[in-house]
Amino acid sequence: MFPVGLYYCFRELSDANIFVILYSVTSIYFAGVMVRLMLVLAPIMCIMSGIGISTTLSTYMKNIESGDVIPATVKNKKKAADYPIKSEIATVMVTIVAIF
C-alpha cells in the first residue's frame, strides 16, 4: 500500500504531504544503500500505507448507498446512469481492503 499512499500524497500537495514524500524517498534510498537502515524505512512505510488505506476507504465509502432515500432529480439520475453498479463495486473494494 506504500505506492498508493505516495500517489495520494502527490495528488494533493501540501506542506505536510511534501515532507512525507521527501521522507519516504530518502528512506527508500538509504534503506537500499544499507540493509541496516531498514529501521528508518519501517515507520514511513506504515505512515504511507495508512494514508493509502484511509484515502481508498474514504473514496469508496462515499459510494456505498445508505438506506436514506435521495430525491430524484435530473442531476442524480444522470450520475446514476453513468455508473450503474457503483454501490456493489464500492462494497467489494471496502471488503477487499478490510480482509487484506
N, C-alpha and C. Protein backbone atom coordinates (compact mmCIF):
# COMPACT_ATOMS: atom_id res chain seq x y z
N MET A 1 0.81 -1.20 0.00
CA MET A 1 0.00 0.00 0.00
C MET A 1 0.85 1.27 0.00
N PHE A 2 2.17 1.09 0.11
CA PHE A 2 3.05 2.26 0.10
C PHE A 2 2.90 3.09 -1.18
N PRO A 3 2.92 2.46 -2.37
CA PRO A 3 2.77 3.27 -3.60
C PRO A 3 1.43 4.00 -3.68
N VAL A 4 0.38 3.40 -3.13
CA VAL A 4 -0.94 4.05 -3.14
C VAL A 4 -0.90 5.31 -2.28
N GLY A 5 -0.29 5.21 -1.11
CA GLY A 5 -0.16 6.37 -0.23
C GLY A 5 0.70 7.46 -0.86
N LEU A 6 1.75 7.04 -1.54
CA LEU A 6 2.61 8.00 -2.23
C LEU A 6 1.84 8.71 -3.35
N TYR A 7 1.02 7.97 -4.07
CA TYR A 7 0.20 8.55 -5.13
C TYR A 7 -0.76 9.59 -4.56
N TYR A 8 -1.43 9.26 -3.47
CA TYR A 8 -2.38 10.20 -2.88
C TYR A 8 -1.67 11.43 -2.32
N CYS A 9 -0.45 11.28 -1.84
CA CYS A 9 0.30 12.44 -1.36
C CYS A 9 0.69 13.35 -2.53
N PHE A 10 1.05 12.76 -3.66
CA PHE A 10 1.37 13.57 -4.84
C PHE A 10 0.13 14.23 -5.41
N ARG A 11 -1.01 13.58 -5.24
CA ARG A 11 -2.26 14.10 -5.80
C ARG A 11 -2.70 15.39 -5.11
N GLU A 12 -2.52 15.49 -3.81
CA GLU A 12 -2.90 16.69 -3.06
C GLU A 12 -1.65 17.24 -2.36
N LEU A 13 -0.92 18.06 -3.06
CA LEU A 13 0.32 18.59 -2.49
C LEU A 13 0.04 19.67 -1.46
N SER A 14 0.62 19.49 -0.30
CA SER A 14 0.60 20.49 0.76
C SER A 14 1.97 20.40 1.44
N ASP A 15 2.20 21.27 2.39
CA ASP A 15 3.50 21.24 3.08
C ASP A 15 3.72 19.90 3.78
N ALA A 16 2.69 19.40 4.44
CA ALA A 16 2.80 18.13 5.15
C ALA A 16 3.03 16.98 4.18
N ASN A 17 2.32 16.98 3.07
CA ASN A 17 2.49 15.90 2.09
C ASN A 17 3.86 15.94 1.43
N ILE A 18 4.38 17.13 1.17
CA ILE A 18 5.73 17.24 0.59
C ILE A 18 6.77 16.71 1.57
N PHE A 19 6.60 17.00 2.86
CA PHE A 19 7.51 16.46 3.87
C PHE A 19 7.47 14.94 3.89
N VAL A 20 6.27 14.38 3.84
CA VAL A 20 6.13 12.92 3.86
C VAL A 20 6.73 12.31 2.60
N ILE A 21 6.54 12.95 1.46
CA ILE A 21 7.13 12.45 0.21
C ILE A 21 8.65 12.45 0.29
N LEU A 22 9.22 13.55 0.75
CA LEU A 22 10.69 13.63 0.87
C LEU A 22 11.23 12.60 1.86
N TYR A 23 10.53 12.44 2.98
CA TYR A 23 10.94 11.47 3.99
C TYR A 23 10.89 10.05 3.41
N SER A 24 9.84 9.75 2.64
CA SER A 24 9.73 8.40 2.09
C SER A 24 10.79 8.14 1.02
N VAL A 25 11.04 9.10 0.17
CA VAL A 25 12.03 8.91 -0.89
C VAL A 25 13.43 8.75 -0.31
N THR A 26 13.79 9.57 0.65
CA THR A 26 15.12 9.44 1.26
C THR A 26 15.23 8.15 2.07
N SER A 27 14.15 7.73 2.71
CA SER A 27 14.20 6.47 3.46
C SER A 27 14.38 5.28 2.54
N ILE A 28 13.69 5.30 1.41
CA ILE A 28 13.84 4.20 0.45
C ILE A 28 15.27 4.17 -0.09
N TYR A 29 15.82 5.33 -0.38
CA TYR A 29 17.20 5.39 -0.89
C TYR A 29 18.19 4.83 0.13
N PHE A 30 18.11 5.32 1.36
CA PHE A 30 19.08 4.88 2.36
C PHE A 30 18.87 3.43 2.78
N ALA A 31 17.63 2.94 2.74
CA ALA A 31 17.40 1.52 3.03
C ALA A 31 17.96 0.65 1.92
N GLY A 32 17.95 1.17 0.70
CA GLY A 32 18.54 0.42 -0.40
C GLY A 32 20.05 0.40 -0.36
N VAL A 33 20.65 1.45 0.17
CA VAL A 33 22.11 1.55 0.24
C VAL A 33 22.66 0.65 1.34
N MET A 34 21.97 0.62 2.48
CA MET A 34 22.47 -0.16 3.60
C MET A 34 21.30 -0.92 4.23
N VAL A 35 21.45 -2.22 4.36
CA VAL A 35 20.36 -3.07 4.84
C VAL A 35 19.95 -2.70 6.26
N ARG A 36 20.88 -2.30 7.10
CA ARG A 36 20.54 -1.97 8.48
C ARG A 36 19.62 -0.76 8.60
N LEU A 37 19.58 0.04 7.55
CA LEU A 37 18.73 1.23 7.60
C LEU A 37 17.27 0.92 7.26
N MET A 38 16.91 -0.37 7.24
CA MET A 38 15.50 -0.74 7.09
C MET A 38 14.70 -0.21 8.27
N LEU A 39 15.35 -0.01 9.39
CA LEU A 39 14.65 0.57 10.55
C LEU A 39 14.20 1.99 10.28
N VAL A 40 14.89 2.69 9.39
CA VAL A 40 14.48 4.04 9.01
C VAL A 40 13.28 3.97 8.07
N LEU A 41 13.20 2.90 7.28
CA LEU A 41 12.14 2.75 6.29
C LEU A 41 10.81 2.30 6.90
N ALA A 42 10.85 1.52 7.97
CA ALA A 42 9.63 0.94 8.53
C ALA A 42 8.58 1.97 8.95
N PRO A 43 8.94 3.04 9.67
CA PRO A 43 7.89 3.99 10.08
C PRO A 43 7.21 4.69 8.91
N ILE A 44 7.96 5.09 7.91
CA ILE A 44 7.34 5.80 6.79
C ILE A 44 6.53 4.83 5.94
N MET A 45 6.91 3.57 5.88
CA MET A 45 6.09 2.58 5.18
C MET A 45 4.73 2.46 5.86
N CYS A 46 4.72 2.43 7.17
CA CYS A 46 3.45 2.34 7.91
C CYS A 46 2.61 3.60 7.71
N ILE A 47 3.24 4.76 7.73
CA ILE A 47 2.52 6.02 7.54
C ILE A 47 1.91 6.09 6.14
N MET A 48 2.71 5.78 5.13
CA MET A 48 2.22 5.85 3.75
C MET A 48 1.14 4.81 3.49
N SER A 49 1.28 3.63 4.06
CA SER A 49 0.24 2.61 3.92
C SER A 49 -1.05 3.06 4.58
N GLY A 50 -0.94 3.68 5.73
CA GLY A 50 -2.12 4.21 6.41
C GLY A 50 -2.81 5.28 5.60
N ILE A 51 -2.02 6.16 4.97
CA ILE A 51 -2.61 7.19 4.11
C ILE A 51 -3.32 6.55 2.93
N GLY A 52 -2.70 5.55 2.34
CA GLY A 52 -3.30 4.86 1.19
C GLY A 52 -4.59 4.15 1.55
N ILE A 53 -4.60 3.42 2.65
CA ILE A 53 -5.80 2.70 3.08
C ILE A 53 -6.90 3.67 3.46
N SER A 54 -6.55 4.70 4.21
CA SER A 54 -7.55 5.68 4.65
C SER A 54 -8.21 6.39 3.48
N THR A 55 -7.41 6.83 2.54
CA THR A 55 -7.96 7.55 1.39
C THR A 55 -8.78 6.63 0.49
N THR A 56 -8.32 5.40 0.31
CA THR A 56 -9.07 4.45 -0.50
C THR A 56 -10.42 4.15 0.14
N LEU A 57 -10.42 3.88 1.43
CA LEU A 57 -11.68 3.61 2.11
C LEU A 57 -12.60 4.82 2.10
N SER A 58 -12.06 6.01 2.28
CA SER A 58 -12.89 7.22 2.23
C SER A 58 -13.54 7.40 0.87
N THR A 59 -12.78 7.12 -0.18
CA THR A 59 -13.30 7.27 -1.53
C THR A 59 -14.45 6.30 -1.79
N TYR A 60 -14.27 5.04 -1.42
CA TYR A 60 -15.28 4.04 -1.72
C TYR A 60 -16.44 4.05 -0.73
N MET A 61 -16.23 4.49 0.49
CA MET A 61 -17.33 4.54 1.45
C MET A 61 -18.37 5.57 1.04
N LYS A 62 -17.97 6.59 0.31
CA LYS A 62 -18.93 7.58 -0.18
C LYS A 62 -19.90 6.97 -1.18
N ASN A 63 -19.47 5.93 -1.89
CA ASN A 63 -20.29 5.33 -2.93
C ASN A 63 -21.23 4.24 -2.42
N ILE A 64 -21.04 3.80 -1.20
CA ILE A 64 -21.93 2.78 -0.65
C ILE A 64 -23.22 3.47 -0.25
N GLU A 65 -24.30 2.98 -0.78
CA GLU A 65 -25.60 3.59 -0.54
C GLU A 65 -26.09 3.24 0.87
N SER A 66 -26.61 4.25 1.54
CA SER A 66 -27.24 4.00 2.81
C SER A 66 -28.74 3.80 2.57
N GLY A 67 -29.50 3.57 3.60
CA GLY A 67 -30.92 3.34 3.46
C GLY A 67 -31.71 4.61 3.20
N ASP A 68 -31.07 5.77 3.22
CA ASP A 68 -31.76 7.04 3.00
C ASP A 68 -32.23 7.15 1.55
N VAL A 69 -33.38 7.75 1.40
CA VAL A 69 -33.92 7.98 0.06
C VAL A 69 -33.51 9.37 -0.38
N ILE A 70 -32.86 9.45 -1.53
CA ILE A 70 -32.41 10.72 -2.08
C ILE A 70 -33.45 11.18 -3.10
N PRO A 71 -33.87 12.44 -3.04
CA PRO A 71 -34.86 12.90 -4.02
C PRO A 71 -34.33 12.74 -5.44
N ALA A 72 -35.19 12.26 -6.31
CA ALA A 72 -34.79 12.02 -7.70
C ALA A 72 -34.83 13.32 -8.47
N THR A 73 -33.67 13.79 -8.83
CA THR A 73 -33.56 14.97 -9.67
C THR A 73 -32.86 14.57 -10.96
N VAL A 74 -32.84 15.46 -11.88
CA VAL A 74 -32.18 15.17 -13.16
C VAL A 74 -30.70 14.91 -12.95
N LYS A 75 -30.08 15.66 -12.05
CA LYS A 75 -28.65 15.51 -11.78
C LYS A 75 -28.36 14.14 -11.17
N ASN A 76 -29.16 13.72 -10.20
CA ASN A 76 -28.95 12.42 -9.56
C ASN A 76 -29.19 11.27 -10.53
N LYS A 77 -30.20 11.40 -11.40
CA LYS A 77 -30.47 10.35 -12.38
C LYS A 77 -29.32 10.23 -13.37
N LYS A 78 -28.73 11.37 -13.74
CA LYS A 78 -27.62 11.34 -14.69
C LYS A 78 -26.41 10.65 -14.07
N LYS A 79 -26.12 10.94 -12.80
CA LYS A 79 -25.00 10.30 -12.12
C LYS A 79 -25.24 8.80 -11.99
N ALA A 80 -26.47 8.41 -11.66
CA ALA A 80 -26.79 7.00 -11.50
C ALA A 80 -26.68 6.26 -12.83
N ALA A 81 -27.03 6.91 -13.92
CA ALA A 81 -26.96 6.27 -15.23
C ALA A 81 -25.52 6.09 -15.70
N ASP A 82 -24.62 6.98 -15.27
CA ASP A 82 -23.23 6.89 -15.70
C ASP A 82 -22.53 5.65 -15.13
N TYR A 83 -22.87 5.28 -13.93
CA TYR A 83 -22.14 4.23 -13.23
C TYR A 83 -23.16 3.39 -12.47
N PRO A 84 -23.79 2.42 -13.12
CA PRO A 84 -24.95 1.75 -12.55
C PRO A 84 -24.67 0.85 -11.34
N ILE A 85 -23.49 0.26 -11.22
CA ILE A 85 -23.25 -0.66 -10.11
C ILE A 85 -22.17 -0.13 -9.16
N LYS A 86 -22.15 1.17 -8.95
CA LYS A 86 -21.09 1.74 -8.11
C LYS A 86 -21.18 1.28 -6.67
N SER A 87 -22.37 1.05 -6.17
CA SER A 87 -22.52 0.60 -4.79
C SER A 87 -21.93 -0.79 -4.61
N GLU A 88 -22.14 -1.69 -5.56
CA GLU A 88 -21.61 -3.04 -5.46
C GLU A 88 -20.09 -3.05 -5.56
N ILE A 89 -19.56 -2.26 -6.48
CA ILE A 89 -18.10 -2.19 -6.63
C ILE A 89 -17.47 -1.57 -5.38
N ALA A 90 -18.10 -0.55 -4.83
CA ALA A 90 -17.59 0.07 -3.61
C ALA A 90 -17.61 -0.93 -2.46
N THR A 91 -18.66 -1.73 -2.35
CA THR A 91 -18.74 -2.74 -1.29
C THR A 91 -17.64 -3.78 -1.45
N VAL A 92 -17.38 -4.21 -2.67
CA VAL A 92 -16.32 -5.19 -2.92
C VAL A 92 -14.95 -4.61 -2.56
N MET A 93 -14.71 -3.36 -2.94
CA MET A 93 -13.41 -2.74 -2.64
C MET A 93 -13.20 -2.58 -1.14
N VAL A 94 -14.22 -2.15 -0.42
CA VAL A 94 -14.11 -1.99 1.03
C VAL A 94 -13.87 -3.36 1.68
N THR A 95 -14.51 -4.40 1.19
CA THR A 95 -14.32 -5.74 1.72
C THR A 95 -12.90 -6.23 1.45
N ILE A 96 -12.38 -5.99 0.26
CA ILE A 96 -11.02 -6.40 -0.08
C ILE A 96 -10.00 -5.70 0.82
N VAL A 97 -10.17 -4.40 1.03
CA VAL A 97 -9.25 -3.67 1.89
C VAL A 97 -9.37 -4.15 3.32
N ALA A 98 -10.58 -4.45 3.76
CA ALA A 98 -10.77 -4.93 5.14
C ALA A 98 -10.16 -6.31 5.36
N ILE A 99 -10.21 -7.17 4.35
CA ILE A 99 -9.65 -8.52 4.50
C ILE A 99 -8.14 -8.51 4.49
N PHE A 100 -7.56 -7.73 3.58
CA PHE A 100 -6.11 -7.72 3.46
C PHE A 100 -5.54 -6.64 4.32
